[in-house]
């Protein structure tokens, strides 16, 4: 994967986590991206992009500041797949970090947000997901579920990306996933999540043909989804293997025995950026 120019992206960059806006429910805080082959993707993506996603590293526990392969448009107009960090850093930021969570951006706010507006105007992206983790908070104790398509294909989510360059020469390419109310999210989960799109709409989004949140929302479509219980082990940011996706019986799991070092970000209680 080549580096994108003039605000484009490069592989495996680093990033760490300015006042915090009021929180709102998080649509997604951890996801998996493990595309077995191009046939695991929705029909309609260019073969070059499907191949790039299928040959990208399998990642089963992508969290804040983690790397994912993102579809974007290069400065010369060509479509590429490139590694970016999850959690958008605004181009104008003086530091390669934000004090609030920017892994997701609310669709209805993003176009006018100080954080996301420039990316909305110039840098749409698409993120392919095997699925994502979400907590069932109606269960006692709360339990994580893995949300995926019922047909086993990958999900495509609309996002924004940004290129940050520091005075010391450091460069970071980062992205956020757009979220909105979504009645297609399976119960008992909160009906709020990523803005899912099919492949033709993904191509339109990448081309800049969808200009407003209303236009994108009108084209969004959520395929049939299912959610099943998985181990709480995904909260450990060091865990990254396929066993995290294996179904479990919460009644048989017993009390939480995770180490104190487990990452609280995996709890997906709230987002911060506006």
C-alpha atoms as a PDB file:
ATOM      1  CA  UNK A   1       0.000   0.000   0.000  1.00  0.00           C
ATOM      2  CA  UNK A   2       1.387   3.353  -0.999  1.00  0.00           C
ATOM      3  CA  UNK A   3       1.312   6.524   0.983  1.00  0.00           C
ATOM      4  CA  UNK A   4      -1.383   9.022   0.060  1.00  0.00           C
ATOM      5  CA  UNK A   5      -0.190  12.491  -0.838  1.00  0.00           C
ATOM      6  CA  UNK A   6      -1.286  15.916   0.376  1.00  0.00           C
ATOM      7  CA  UNK A   7      -3.479  14.671   3.141  1.00  0.00           C
ATOM      8  CA  UNK A   8      -3.400  11.038   2.352  1.00  0.00           C
ATOM      9  CA  UNK A   9      -2.351   7.994   4.351  1.00  0.00           C
ATOM     10  CA  UNK A  10       0.500   5.636   5.053  1.00  0.00           C
ATOM     11  CA  UNK A  11       0.841   2.291   6.800  1.00  0.00           C
ATOM     12  CA  UNK A  12       1.399   1.723  10.485  1.00  0.00           C
ATOM     13  CA  UNK A  13       1.578   5.143  12.054  1.00  0.00           C
ATOM     14  CA  UNK A  14       1.341   6.040  15.705  1.00  0.00           C
ATOM     15  CA  UNK A  15      -0.945   8.240  17.716  1.00  0.00           C
ATOM     16  CA  UNK A  16      -2.016   8.891  21.270  1.00  0.00           C
ATOM     17  CA  UNK A  17      -5.149  10.006  22.715  1.00  0.00           C
ATOM     18  CA  UNK A  18      -8.516  19.489  23.457  1.00  0.00           C
ATOM     19  CA  UNK A  19     -12.149  20.604  26.292  1.00  0.00           C
ATOM     20  CA  UNK A  20     -14.578  17.786  26.128  1.00  0.00           C
ATOM     21  CA  UNK A  21     -18.063  18.153  24.632  1.00  0.00           C
ATOM     22  CA  UNK A  22     -21.075  16.491  26.248  1.00  0.00           C
ATOM     23  CA  UNK A  23     -21.025  12.725  25.827  1.00  0.00           C
ATOM     24  CA  UNK A  24     -23.495  10.691  23.804  1.00  0.00           C
ATOM     25  CA  UNK A  25     -23.920   6.914  23.465  1.00  0.00           C
ATOM     26  CA  UNK A  26     -21.056   5.231  21.651  1.00  0.00           C
ATOM     27  CA  UNK A  27     -22.002   3.495  18.446  1.00  0.00           C
ATOM     28  CA  UNK A  28     -18.911   1.295  18.331  1.00  0.00           C
ATOM     29  CA  UNK A  29     -15.663   1.101  20.284  1.00  0.00           C
ATOM     30  CA  UNK A  30     -14.029  -2.174  19.176  1.00  0.00           C
ATOM     31  CA  UNK A  31     -14.241  -4.053  15.881  1.00  0.00           C
ATOM     32  CA  UNK A  32     -12.689  -6.881  13.899  1.00  0.00           C
ATOM     33  CA  UNK A  33     -11.311  -6.725  10.381  1.00  0.00           C
ATOM     34  CA  UNK A  34     -10.359 -10.160   9.081  1.00  0.00           C
ATOM     35  CA  UNK A  35     -11.373 -10.527   5.432  1.00  0.00           C
ATOM     36  CA  UNK A  36     -10.708 -14.111   4.297  1.00  0.00           C
ATOM     37  CA  UNK A  37     -10.912 -13.446   0.556  1.00  0.00           C
ATOM     38  CA  UNK A  38     -12.568 -11.048  -1.903  1.00  0.00           C
ATOM     39  CA  UNK A  39     -15.729 -13.166  -1.953  1.00  0.00           C
ATOM     40  CA  UNK A  40     -16.206 -12.272   1.736  1.00  0.00           C
ATOM     41  CA  UNK A  41     -16.918  -8.669   0.716  1.00  0.00           C
ATOM     42  CA  UNK A  42     -20.163  -7.248  -0.660  1.00  0.00           C
ATOM     43  CA  UNK A  43     -20.327  -7.321  -4.451  1.00  0.00           C
ATOM     44  CA  UNK A  44     -19.509  -4.049  -6.166  1.00  0.00           C
ATOM     45  CA  UNK A  45     -16.087  -3.005  -4.876  1.00  0.00           C
ATOM     46  CA  UNK A  46     -13.294  -2.690  -7.457  1.00  0.00           C
ATOM     47  CA  UNK A  47     -11.215  -5.875  -7.603  1.00  0.00           C
ATOM     48  CA  UNK A  48      -8.059  -4.017  -6.568  1.00  0.00           C
ATOM     49  CA  UNK A  49      -9.670  -2.770  -3.354  1.00  0.00           C
ATOM     50  CA  UNK A  50     -11.249  -6.138  -2.562  1.00  0.00           C
ATOM     51  CA  UNK A  51      -7.886  -7.844  -3.042  1.00  0.00           C
ATOM     52  CA  UNK A  52      -6.162  -5.284  -0.817  1.00  0.00           C
ATOM     53  CA  UNK A  53      -8.679  -5.825   1.982  1.00  0.00           C
ATOM     54  CA  UNK A  54      -8.382  -9.614   1.673  1.00  0.00           C
ATOM     55  CA  UNK A  55      -4.582  -9.519   1.912  1.00  0.00           C
ATOM     56  CA  UNK A  56      -4.465  -6.995   4.776  1.00  0.00           C
ATOM     57  CA  UNK A  57      -3.479  -8.285   8.233  1.00  0.00           C
ATOM     58  CA  UNK A  58      -6.254 -10.038  10.152  1.00  0.00           C
ATOM     59  CA  UNK A  59      -7.176  -7.949  13.177  1.00  0.00           C
ATOM     60  CA  UNK A  60      -9.689  -9.175  15.711  1.00  0.00           C
ATOM     61  CA  UNK A  61      -9.584  -6.448  18.343  1.00  0.00           C
ATOM     62  CA  UNK A  62      -9.171  -2.974  16.860  1.00  0.00           C
ATOM     63  CA  UNK A  63      -9.659  -0.286  19.452  1.00  0.00           C
ATOM     64  CA  UNK A  64      -8.821   3.372  19.914  1.00  0.00           C
ATOM     65  CA  UNK A  65      -5.398   4.114  18.384  1.00  0.00           C
ATOM     66  CA  UNK A  66      -5.350   0.711  16.693  1.00  0.00           C
ATOM     67  CA  UNK A  67      -4.581   0.224  12.998  1.00  0.00           C
ATOM     68  CA  UNK A  68      -7.134  -0.753  10.350  1.00  0.00           C
ATOM     69  CA  UNK A  69      -7.124  -0.904   6.570  1.00  0.00           C
ATOM     70  CA  UNK A  70      -9.260   1.916   5.195  1.00  0.00           C
ATOM     71  CA  UNK A  71     -10.497   2.658   1.669  1.00  0.00           C
ATOM     72  CA  UNK A  72      -9.848   6.247   0.604  1.00  0.00           C
ATOM     73  CA  UNK A  73      -9.082   8.429  -2.394  1.00  0.00           C
ATOM     74  CA  UNK A  74      -5.527   9.572  -3.057  1.00  0.00           C
ATOM     75  CA  UNK A  75      -4.586  13.112  -4.010  1.00  0.00           C
ATOM     76  CA  UNK A  76      -4.460  12.091  -7.664  1.00  0.00           C
ATOM     77  CA  UNK A  77      -8.010  10.750  -7.485  1.00  0.00           C
ATOM     78  CA  UNK A  78      -7.124   7.057  -7.392  1.00  0.00           C
ATOM     79  CA  UNK A  79      -8.772   4.724  -4.881  1.00  0.00           C
ATOM     80  CA  UNK A  80      -6.438   2.971  -2.460  1.00  0.00           C
ATOM     81  CA  UNK A  81      -6.488   0.822   0.654  1.00  0.00           C
ATOM     82  CA  UNK A  82      -4.161   2.113   3.357  1.00  0.00           C
ATOM     83  CA  UNK A  83      -3.496   1.561   7.032  1.00  0.00           C
ATOM     84  CA  UNK A  84      -4.704   4.317   9.349  1.00  0.00           C
ATOM     85  CA  UNK A  85      -5.096   4.782  13.052  1.00  0.00           C
ATOM     86  CA  UNK A  86      -8.574   4.709  14.581  1.00  0.00           C
ATOM     87  CA  UNK A  87      -9.383   8.008  16.254  1.00  0.00           C
ATOM     88  CA  UNK A  88      -9.267  11.070  14.014  1.00  0.00           C
ATOM     89  CA  UNK A  89      -6.709  13.774  14.777  1.00  0.00           C
ATOM     90  CA  UNK A  90      -7.777  17.119  13.245  1.00  0.00           C
ATOM     91  CA  UNK A  91      -5.311  18.649  10.830  1.00  0.00           C
ATOM     92  CA  UNK A  92      -5.199  21.849  12.880  1.00  0.00           C
ATOM     93  CA  UNK A  93      -4.331  20.108  16.146  1.00  0.00           C
ATOM     94  CA  UNK A  94      -1.011  21.183  17.636  1.00  0.00           C
ATOM     95  CA  UNK A  95      -0.488  17.673  19.003  1.00  0.00           C
ATOM     96  CA  UNK A  96      -0.902  14.202  17.460  1.00  0.00           C
ATOM     97  CA  UNK A  97      -3.673  13.419  19.905  1.00  0.00           C
ATOM     98  CA  UNK A  98      -7.029  14.499  21.266  1.00  0.00           C
ATOM     99  CA  UNK A  99      -8.203  14.529  24.890  1.00  0.00           C
ATOM    100  CA  UNK A 100     -11.603  13.155  23.821  1.00  0.00           C
ATOM    101  CA  UNK A 101     -12.596  10.086  21.868  1.00  0.00           C
ATOM    102  CA  UNK A 102     -12.827  10.587  18.106  1.00  0.00           C
ATOM    103  CA  UNK A 103     -13.240   6.963  17.043  1.00  0.00           C
ATOM    104  CA  UNK A 104     -16.800   7.802  15.999  1.00  0.00           C
ATOM    105  CA  UNK A 105     -18.529  10.938  14.753  1.00  0.00           C
ATOM    106  CA  UNK A 106     -22.252  11.599  14.821  1.00  0.00           C
ATOM    107  CA  UNK A 107     -23.544  11.846  11.266  1.00  0.00           C
ATOM    108  CA  UNK A 108     -25.903  14.732  11.952  1.00  0.00           C
ATOM    109  CA  UNK A 109     -23.098  16.811  13.523  1.00  0.00           C
ATOM    110  CA  UNK A 110     -19.997  15.890  11.539  1.00  0.00           C
ATOM    111  CA  UNK A 111     -20.398  18.249   8.587  1.00  0.00           C
ATOM    112  CA  UNK A 112     -20.432  21.315  10.867  1.00  0.00           C
ATOM    113  CA  UNK A 113     -18.162  20.045  13.621  1.00  0.00           C
ATOM    114  CA  UNK A 114     -14.903  21.878  14.241  1.00  0.00           C
ATOM    115  CA  UNK A 115     -13.209  18.503  14.544  1.00  0.00           C
ATOM    116  CA  UNK A 116     -14.664  16.735  11.522  1.00  0.00           C
ATOM    117  CA  UNK A 117     -15.868  19.448   9.100  1.00  0.00           C
ATOM    118  CA  UNK A 118     -12.729  19.627   6.956  1.00  0.00           C
ATOM    119  CA  UNK A 119     -12.543  15.864   6.683  1.00  0.00           C
ATOM    120  CA  UNK A 120     -16.236  15.799   5.741  1.00  0.00           C
ATOM    121  CA  UNK A 121     -15.621  18.217   2.902  1.00  0.00           C
ATOM    122  CA  UNK A 122     -12.482  16.579   1.535  1.00  0.00           C
ATOM    123  CA  UNK A 123     -11.734  13.126   2.918  1.00  0.00           C
ATOM    124  CA  UNK A 124     -14.490  10.504   3.036  1.00  0.00           C
ATOM    125  CA  UNK A 125     -13.424   6.922   3.650  1.00  0.00           C
ATOM    126  CA  UNK A 126     -14.937   3.461   3.957  1.00  0.00           C
ATOM    127  CA  UNK A 127     -14.115   0.914   6.642  1.00  0.00           C
ATOM    128  CA  UNK A 128     -14.724  -2.809   6.101  1.00  0.00           C
ATOM    129  CA  UNK A 129     -15.676  -4.704   9.269  1.00  0.00           C
ATOM    130  CA  UNK A 130     -15.975  -8.393   9.938  1.00  0.00           C
ATOM    131  CA  UNK A 131     -18.156  -7.211  12.811  1.00  0.00           C
ATOM    132  CA  UNK A 132     -17.961  -5.237  16.025  1.00  0.00           C
ATOM    133  CA  UNK A 133     -18.286  -5.674  19.785  1.00  0.00           C
ATOM    134  CA  UNK A 134     -21.123  -4.091  21.712  1.00  0.00           C
ATOM    135  CA  UNK A 135     -22.275  -4.489  25.316  1.00  0.00           C
ATOM    136  CA  UNK A 136     -25.729  -5.792  26.151  1.00  0.00           C
ATOM    137  CA  UNK A 137     -26.514  -3.565  29.124  1.00  0.00           C
ATOM    138  CA  UNK A 138     -29.928  -5.089  29.720  1.00  0.00           C
ATOM    139  CA  UNK A 139     -28.196  -8.223  30.979  1.00  0.00           C
ATOM    140  CA  UNK A 140     -26.936  -8.374  34.558  1.00  0.00           C
ATOM    141  CA  UNK A 141     -24.038  -8.273  34.597  1.00  0.00           C
ATOM    142  CA  UNK A 142     -23.669  -6.530  31.222  1.00  0.00           C
ATOM    143  CA  UNK A 143     -22.233  -8.836  28.573  1.00  0.00           C
ATOM    144  CA  UNK A 144     -20.436  -8.206  25.271  1.00  0.00           C
ATOM    145  CA  UNK A 145     -22.007  -9.336  22.012  1.00  0.00           C
ATOM    146  CA  UNK A 146     -20.408  -9.561  18.582  1.00  0.00           C
ATOM    147  CA  UNK A 147     -22.495  -7.975  15.829  1.00  0.00           C
ATOM    148  CA  UNK A 148     -22.126  -9.289  12.292  1.00  0.00           C
ATOM    149  CA  UNK A 149     -24.038  -9.863   9.055  1.00  0.00           C
ATOM    150  CA  UNK A 150     -26.212 -12.942   9.048  1.00  0.00           C
ATOM    151  CA  UNK A 151     -24.846 -13.936   5.627  1.00  0.00           C
ATOM    152  CA  UNK A 152     -21.232 -13.835   6.807  1.00  0.00           C
ATOM    153  CA  UNK A 153     -20.115 -11.053   4.477  1.00  0.00           C
ATOM    154  CA  UNK A 154     -18.180  -8.050   5.703  1.00  0.00           C
ATOM    155  CA  UNK A 155     -19.914  -4.805   6.608  1.00  0.00           C
ATOM    156  CA  UNK A 156     -19.002  -1.494   4.978  1.00  0.00           C
ATOM    157  CA  UNK A 157     -19.179   1.613   7.171  1.00  0.00           C
ATOM    158  CA  UNK A 158     -18.907   5.248   6.097  1.00  0.00           C
ATOM    159  CA  UNK A 159     -16.149   7.241   7.718  1.00  0.00           C
ATOM    160  CA  UNK A 160     -13.865  10.256   7.499  1.00  0.00           C
ATOM    161  CA  UNK A 161     -10.089  10.413   7.547  1.00  0.00           C
ATOM    162  CA  UNK A 162      -7.497  13.072   8.119  1.00  0.00           C
ATOM    163  CA  UNK A 163      -3.775  13.654   7.625  1.00  0.00           C
ATOM    164  CA  UNK A 164      -1.831  15.296  10.430  1.00  0.00           C
ATOM    165  CA  UNK A 165       1.727  16.611  10.102  1.00  0.00           C
ATOM    166  CA  UNK A 166       3.825  17.884  12.986  1.00  0.00           C
ATOM    167  CA  UNK A 167       6.582  20.444  12.965  1.00  0.00           C
ATOM    168  CA  UNK A 168       9.020  17.667  13.845  1.00  0.00           C
ATOM    169  CA  UNK A 169       8.188  15.778  10.662  1.00  0.00           C
ATOM    170  CA  UNK A 170       5.852  13.249  12.256  1.00  0.00           C
ATOM    171  CA  UNK A 171       2.863  12.348  10.067  1.00  0.00           C
ATOM    172  CA  UNK A 172      -0.311  10.538  11.082  1.00  0.00           C
ATOM    173  CA  UNK A 173      -3.268   9.374   9.058  1.00  0.00           C
ATOM    174  CA  UNK A 174      -6.326   8.641  11.163  1.00  0.00           C
ATOM    175  CA  UNK A 175     -10.015   7.947  10.711  1.00  0.00           C
ATOM    176  CA  UNK A 176     -13.375   8.029  12.407  1.00  0.00           C
ATOM    177  CA  UNK A 177     -16.517   5.974  11.779  1.00  0.00           C
ATOM    178  CA  UNK A 178     -19.784   7.842  11.262  1.00  0.00           C
ATOM    179  CA  UNK A 179     -22.653   6.752  13.506  1.00  0.00           C
ATOM    180  CA  UNK A 180     -26.386   7.419  13.632  1.00  0.00           C
ATOM    181  CA  UNK A 181     -29.602   5.959  15.018  1.00  0.00           C
ATOM    182  CA  UNK A 182     -30.041   2.587  13.358  1.00  0.00           C
ATOM    183  CA  UNK A 183     -33.120   0.411  13.936  1.00  0.00           C
ATOM    184  CA  UNK A 184     -31.343  -2.415  12.111  1.00  0.00           C
ATOM    185  CA  UNK A 185     -29.112  -3.036  15.133  1.00  0.00           C
ATOM    186  CA  UNK A 186     -30.383  -6.289  16.691  1.00  0.00           C
ATOM    187  CA  UNK A 187     -32.140  -6.163  20.057  1.00  0.00           C
ATOM    188  CA  UNK A 188     -31.445  -5.922  22.926  1.00  0.00           C
ATOM    189  CA  UNK A 189     -28.654  -3.592  21.813  1.00  0.00           C
ATOM    190  CA  UNK A 190     -29.264   0.151  21.623  1.00  0.00           C
ATOM    191  CA  UNK A 191     -30.517   0.988  18.100  1.00  0.00           C
ATOM    192  CA  UNK A 192     -27.535   3.181  17.333  1.00  0.00           C
ATOM    193  CA  UNK A 193     -24.424   2.268  15.390  1.00  0.00           C
ATOM    194  CA  UNK A 194     -22.222   2.753  12.332  1.00  0.00           C
ATOM    195  CA  UNK A 195     -23.657   4.158   9.133  1.00  0.00           C
ATOM    196  CA  UNK A 196     -23.619   1.040   6.969  1.00  0.00           C
ATOM    197  CA  UNK A 197     -23.621   1.333   3.181  1.00  0.00           C
ATOM    198  CA  UNK A 198     -23.581  -1.111   0.293  1.00  0.00           C
ATOM    199  CA  UNK A 199     -20.748  -1.215  -2.250  1.00  0.00           C
ATOM    200  CA  UNK A 200     -22.280   1.123  -4.881  1.00  0.00           C
ATOM    201  CA  UNK A 201     -23.019   3.724  -2.205  1.00  0.00           C
ATOM    202  CA  UNK A 202     -19.500   3.245  -0.812  1.00  0.00           C
ATOM    203  CA  UNK A 203     -18.120   4.163  -4.224  1.00  0.00           C
ATOM    204  CA  UNK A 204     -20.402   7.202  -4.412  1.00  0.00           C
ATOM    205  CA  UNK A 205     -19.318   8.276  -0.922  1.00  0.00           C
ATOM    206  CA  UNK A 206     -15.635   7.943  -1.842  1.00  0.00           C
ATOM    207  CA  UNK A 207     -16.182   9.947  -5.021  1.00  0.00           C
ATOM    208  CA  UNK A 208     -17.631  12.888  -3.090  1.00  0.00           C
ATOM    209  CA  UNK A 209     -21.069  12.506  -4.669  1.00  0.00           C
ATOM    210  CA  UNK A 210     -22.891  12.564  -1.309  1.00  0.00           C
ATOM    211  CA  UNK A 211     -22.552  16.053   0.113  1.00  0.00           C
ATOM    212  CA  UNK A 212     -24.788  16.268   3.163  1.00  0.00           C
ATOM    213  CA  UNK A 213     -25.594  14.057   6.136  1.00  0.00           C
ATOM    214  CA  UNK A 214     -29.151  13.764   4.810  1.00  0.00           C
ATOM    215  CA  UNK A 215     -27.897  12.494   1.445  1.00  0.00           C
ATOM    216  CA  UNK A 216     -25.698   9.881   3.075  1.00  0.00           C
ATOM    217  CA  UNK A 217     -28.427   8.840   5.520  1.00  0.00           C
ATOM    218  CA  UNK A 218     -30.863   8.394   2.642  1.00  0.00           C
ATOM    219  CA  UNK A 219     -28.439   6.035   0.914  1.00  0.00           C
ATOM    220  CA  UNK A 220     -27.471   4.072   4.044  1.00  0.00           C
ATOM    221  CA  UNK A 221     -28.629   0.469   4.260  1.00  0.00           C
ATOM    222  CA  UNK A 222     -28.126  -2.058   7.014  1.00  0.00           C
ATOM    223  CA  UNK A 223     -28.098  -5.715   5.938  1.00  0.00           C
ATOM    224  CA  UNK A 224     -29.675  -8.268   8.291  1.00  0.00           C
ATOM    225  CA  UNK A 225     -27.528  -8.465  11.430  1.00  0.00           C
ATOM    226  CA  UNK A 226     -27.158 -10.909  14.291  1.00  0.00           C
ATOM    227  CA  UNK A 227     -25.497 -10.559  17.698  1.00  0.00           C
ATOM    228  CA  UNK A 228     -24.159 -13.335  19.914  1.00  0.00           C
ATOM    229  CA  UNK A 229     -22.327 -13.418  23.274  1.00  0.00           C
ATOM    230  CA  UNK A 230     -18.525 -13.487  23.244  1.00  0.00           C
ATOM    231  CA  UNK A 231     -15.891 -13.531  25.956  1.00  0.00           C
ATOM    232  CA  UNK A 232     -15.054 -10.404  27.896  1.00  0.00           C
ATOM    233  CA  UNK A 233     -11.423 -11.104  26.981  1.00  0.00           C
ATOM    234  CA  UNK A 234     -11.610  -8.624  24.093  1.00  0.00           C
ATOM    235  CA  UNK A 235     -11.265  -5.825  26.669  1.00  0.00           C
ATOM    236  CA  UNK A 236      -7.575  -6.714  26.889  1.00  0.00           C
ATOM    237  CA  UNK A 237      -6.007  -4.574  24.116  1.00  0.00           C
ATOM    238  CA  UNK A 238      -3.152  -7.069  23.857  1.00  0.00           C
ATOM    239  CA  UNK A 239      -5.517  -9.852  22.769  1.00  0.00           C
ATOM    240  CA  UNK A 240      -5.828 -10.158  19.015  1.00  0.00           C
ATOM    241  CA  UNK A 241      -6.844 -13.611  17.820  1.00  0.00           C
ATOM    242  CA  UNK A 242      -9.818 -15.369  16.284  1.00  0.00           C
ATOM    243  CA  UNK A 243     -10.880 -16.958  19.578  1.00  0.00           C
ATOM    244  CA  UNK A 244     -12.296 -13.572  20.595  1.00  0.00           C
ATOM    245  CA  UNK A 245     -15.092 -14.184  18.075  1.00  0.00           C
ATOM    246  CA  UNK A 246     -16.067 -17.587  19.415  1.00  0.00           C
ATOM    247  CA  UNK A 247     -19.536 -17.707  21.020  1.00  0.00           C
ATOM    248  CA  UNK A 248     -19.732 -18.292  24.758  1.00  0.00           C
ATOM    249  CA  UNK A 249     -22.415 -19.072  27.320  1.00  0.00           C
ATOM    250  CA  UNK A 250     -22.407 -16.136  29.780  1.00  0.00           C
ATOM    251  CA  UNK A 251     -23.899 -18.350  32.487  1.00  0.00           C
ATOM    252  CA  UNK A 252     -20.901 -20.658  32.231  1.00  0.00           C
ATOM    253  CA  UNK A 253     -18.286 -17.906  32.199  1.00  0.00           C
ATOM    254  CA  UNK A 254     -18.429 -17.077  35.898  1.00  0.00           C
ATOM    255  CA  UNK A 255     -17.280 -13.817  37.522  1.00  0.00           C
ATOM    256  CA  UNK A 256     -15.023 -11.399  35.677  1.00  0.00           C
ATOM    257  CA  UNK A 257     -11.446 -12.537  36.200  1.00  0.00           C
ATOM    258  CA  UNK A 258      -9.744 -10.070  33.891  1.00  0.00           C
ATOM    259  CA  UNK A 259      -6.549  -8.357  35.045  1.00  0.00           C
ATOM    260  CA  UNK A 260      -6.666  -4.827  36.371  1.00  0.00           C
ATOM    261  CA  UNK A 261      -4.781  -3.696  33.262  1.00  0.00           C
ATOM    262  CA  UNK A 262      -7.739  -4.399  30.995  1.00  0.00           C
ATOM    263  CA  UNK A 263      -8.619  -1.378  28.908  1.00  0.00           C
ATOM    264  CA  UNK A 264     -11.686   0.520  30.073  1.00  0.00           C
ATOM    265  CA  UNK A 265     -12.165   1.808  26.540  1.00  0.00           C
ATOM    266  CA  UNK A 266     -13.520  -1.619  25.688  1.00  0.00           C
ATOM    267  CA  UNK A 267     -16.571  -0.866  27.815  1.00  0.00           C
ATOM    268  CA  UNK A 268     -18.067   1.513  25.184  1.00  0.00           C
ATOM    269  CA  UNK A 269     -19.977   3.569  27.742  1.00  0.00           C
ATOM    270  CA  UNK A 270     -19.829   6.888  25.918  1.00  0.00           C
ATOM    271  CA  UNK A 271     -18.121   8.929  23.221  1.00  0.00           C
ATOM    272  CA  UNK A 272     -16.752  12.420  23.588  1.00  0.00           C
ATOM    273  CA  UNK A 273     -16.111  14.184  20.299  1.00  0.00           C
ATOM    274  CA  UNK A 274     -18.724  16.374  18.699  1.00  0.00           C
END
